[in-house]
Amino acid sequence: MWFGGALAEPGNLWFDWSRSVDDPSEFVLVEAFRDGDAGAAHVGSDHFKKGLEAMRPALTETPRILNMEIPGVEWARMGELEIS
């Protein structure tokens, strides 16, 4: 698939597609990069540009995104469920 390039990028933490449980014609992409530089490299890559063009015929509206930076990339322990 065209998104295989994203999975191999330095700084890519995850890249996962999911189908909406409310609307089976709607998909959600959750992707994460180690830092802003890795994200910028992703957006500037040839496979990103090819992916946009490959998706275009399937889209009925401009995609909506949430874009945020969070501190750290390591998983923290879940406070609500502690196993001793």
C-alpha atoms as a PDB file:
ATOM      1  CA  MET A   1       0.000   0.000   0.000  1.00  0.00           C
ATOM      2  CA  TRP A   2       1.080   3.604  -0.528  1.00  0.00           C
ATOM      3  CA  PHE A   3       1.421   4.319   3.212  1.00  0.00           C
ATOM      4  CA  GLY A   4       4.220   1.792   3.666  1.00  0.00           C
ATOM      5  CA  GLY A   5       6.709   4.623   3.227  1.00  0.00           C
ATOM      6  CA  ALA A   6       5.393   6.407   6.314  1.00  0.00           C
ATOM      7  CA  LEU A   7       5.916   3.318   8.453  1.00  0.00           C
ATOM      8  CA  ALA A   8       9.591   3.210   7.452  1.00  0.00           C
ATOM      9  CA  GLU A   9      10.305   6.897   8.096  1.00  0.00           C
ATOM     10  CA  PRO A  10      12.807   7.823  10.797  1.00  0.00           C
ATOM     11  CA  GLY A  11      10.846   9.304  13.684  1.00  0.00           C
ATOM     12  CA  ASN A  12       7.562   7.567  12.843  1.00  0.00           C
ATOM     13  CA  LEU A  13       6.042   6.203  16.063  1.00  0.00           C
ATOM     14  CA  TRP A  14       2.801   4.797  14.620  1.00  0.00           C
ATOM     15  CA  PHE A  15       0.525   5.028  11.619  1.00  0.00           C
ATOM     16  CA  ASP A  16      -2.848   3.308  11.990  1.00  0.00           C
ATOM     17  CA  TRP A  17      -6.084   3.426  10.006  1.00  0.00           C
ATOM     18  CA  SER A  18      -9.436   2.707  11.671  1.00  0.00           C
ATOM     19  CA  ARG A  19     -12.985   2.619  10.342  1.00  0.00           C
ATOM     20  CA  SER A  20     -15.585   4.681  12.204  1.00  0.00           C
ATOM     21  CA  VAL A  21     -18.022   2.565  14.213  1.00  0.00           C
ATOM     22  CA  ASP A  22     -20.739   5.178  13.563  1.00  0.00           C
ATOM     23  CA  ASP A  23     -20.189   5.565   9.821  1.00  0.00           C
ATOM     24  CA  PRO A  24     -18.539   2.685   7.924  1.00  0.00           C
ATOM     25  CA  SER A  25     -17.725   5.018   5.033  1.00  0.00           C
ATOM     26  CA  GLU A  26     -15.583   7.192   7.343  1.00  0.00           C
ATOM     27  CA  PHE A  27     -11.983   6.350   8.200  1.00  0.00           C
ATOM     28  CA  VAL A  28      -9.676   7.765  10.839  1.00  0.00           C
ATOM     29  CA  LEU A  29      -5.898   7.923  10.542  1.00  0.00           C
ATOM     30  CA  VAL A  30      -3.874   8.216  13.736  1.00  0.00           C
ATOM     31  CA  GLU A  31      -0.207   8.910  13.162  1.00  0.00           C
ATOM     32  CA  ALA A  32       2.572  10.098  15.428  1.00  0.00           C
ATOM     33  CA  PHE A  33       6.103  11.307  14.905  1.00  0.00           C
ATOM     34  CA  ARG A  34       8.943  11.692  17.392  1.00  0.00           C
ATOM     35  CA  ASP A  35       9.184  15.454  16.840  1.00  0.00           C
ATOM     36  CA  GLY A  36       8.202  18.306  14.548  1.00  0.00           C
ATOM     37  CA  ASP A  37      11.146  17.685  12.244  1.00  0.00           C
ATOM     38  CA  ALA A  38      10.047  14.085  11.654  1.00  0.00           C
ATOM     39  CA  GLY A  39       6.498  15.277  10.961  1.00  0.00           C
ATOM     40  CA  ALA A  40       7.741  17.921   8.537  1.00  0.00           C
ATOM     41  CA  ALA A  41       9.880  15.348   6.729  1.00  0.00           C
ATOM     42  CA  HIS A  42       6.795  13.134   6.411  1.00  0.00           C
ATOM     43  CA  VAL A  43       4.681  15.917   4.887  1.00  0.00           C
ATOM     44  CA  GLY A  44       7.510  16.797   2.490  1.00  0.00           C
ATOM     45  CA  SER A  45       8.066  13.216   1.316  1.00  0.00           C
ATOM     46  CA  ASP A  46       7.205  11.941  -2.145  1.00  0.00           C
ATOM     47  CA  HIS A  47       5.104   9.099  -0.727  1.00  0.00           C
ATOM     48  CA  PHE A  48       3.017  11.611   1.278  1.00  0.00           C
ATOM     49  CA  LYS A  49       2.284  13.588  -1.881  1.00  0.00           C
ATOM     50  CA  LYS A  50       1.469  10.391  -3.794  1.00  0.00           C
ATOM     51  CA  GLY A  51      -0.792   9.286  -0.942  1.00  0.00           C
ATOM     52  CA  LEU A  52      -2.764  12.528  -1.085  1.00  0.00           C
ATOM     53  CA  GLU A  53      -3.356  12.067  -4.791  1.00  0.00           C
ATOM     54  CA  ALA A  54      -4.313   8.403  -4.306  1.00  0.00           C
ATOM     55  CA  MET A  55      -6.900   9.376  -1.670  1.00  0.00           C
ATOM     56  CA  ARG A  56      -8.391  12.288  -3.594  1.00  0.00           C
ATOM     57  CA  PRO A  57     -10.875  10.234  -5.706  1.00  0.00           C
ATOM     58  CA  ALA A  58     -12.297   8.565  -2.571  1.00  0.00           C
ATOM     59  CA  LEU A  59     -12.893  11.805  -0.648  1.00  0.00           C
ATOM     60  CA  THR A  60     -16.186  13.672  -0.562  1.00  0.00           C
ATOM     61  CA  GLU A  61     -14.883  16.594   1.528  1.00  0.00           C
ATOM     62  CA  THR A  62     -11.630  18.084   2.747  1.00  0.00           C
ATOM     63  CA  PRO A  63     -10.261  15.881   5.544  1.00  0.00           C
ATOM     64  CA  ARG A  64     -10.396  17.227   9.096  1.00  0.00           C
ATOM     65  CA  ILE A  65      -7.358  16.900  11.352  1.00  0.00           C
ATOM     66  CA  LEU A  66      -6.233  17.352  14.934  1.00  0.00           C
ATOM     67  CA  ASN A  67      -2.585  18.337  15.046  1.00  0.00           C
ATOM     68  CA  MET A  68      -0.877  18.575  18.406  1.00  0.00           C
ATOM     69  CA  GLU A  69       2.481  18.172  20.059  1.00  0.00           C
ATOM     70  CA  ILE A  70       2.710  16.334  23.343  1.00  0.00           C
ATOM     71  CA  PRO A  71       5.715  16.162  25.651  1.00  0.00           C
ATOM     72  CA  GLY A  72       7.672  12.931  25.488  1.00  0.00           C
ATOM     73  CA  VAL A  73       7.288   9.814  23.386  1.00  0.00           C
ATOM     74  CA  GLU A  74       7.551   7.131  26.053  1.00  0.00           C
ATOM     75  CA  TRP A  75       4.492   5.392  27.481  1.00  0.00           C
ATOM     76  CA  ALA A  76       3.567   6.224  31.078  1.00  0.00           C
ATOM     77  CA  ARG A  77       1.978   3.783  33.493  1.00  0.00           C
ATOM     78  CA  MET A  78      -1.813   3.919  33.745  1.00  0.00           C
ATOM     79  CA  GLY A  79      -2.764   5.509  37.065  1.00  0.00           C
ATOM     80  CA  GLU A  80      -6.300   4.124  37.123  1.00  0.00           C
ATOM     81  CA  LEU A  81      -5.231   0.455  37.014  1.00  0.00           C
ATOM     82  CA  GLU A  82      -2.156  -0.495  38.994  1.00  0.00           C
ATOM     83  CA  ILE A  83      -0.897  -4.061  39.120  1.00  0.00           C
ATOM     84  CA  SER A  84       1.425  -4.818  42.035  1.00  0.00           C
END
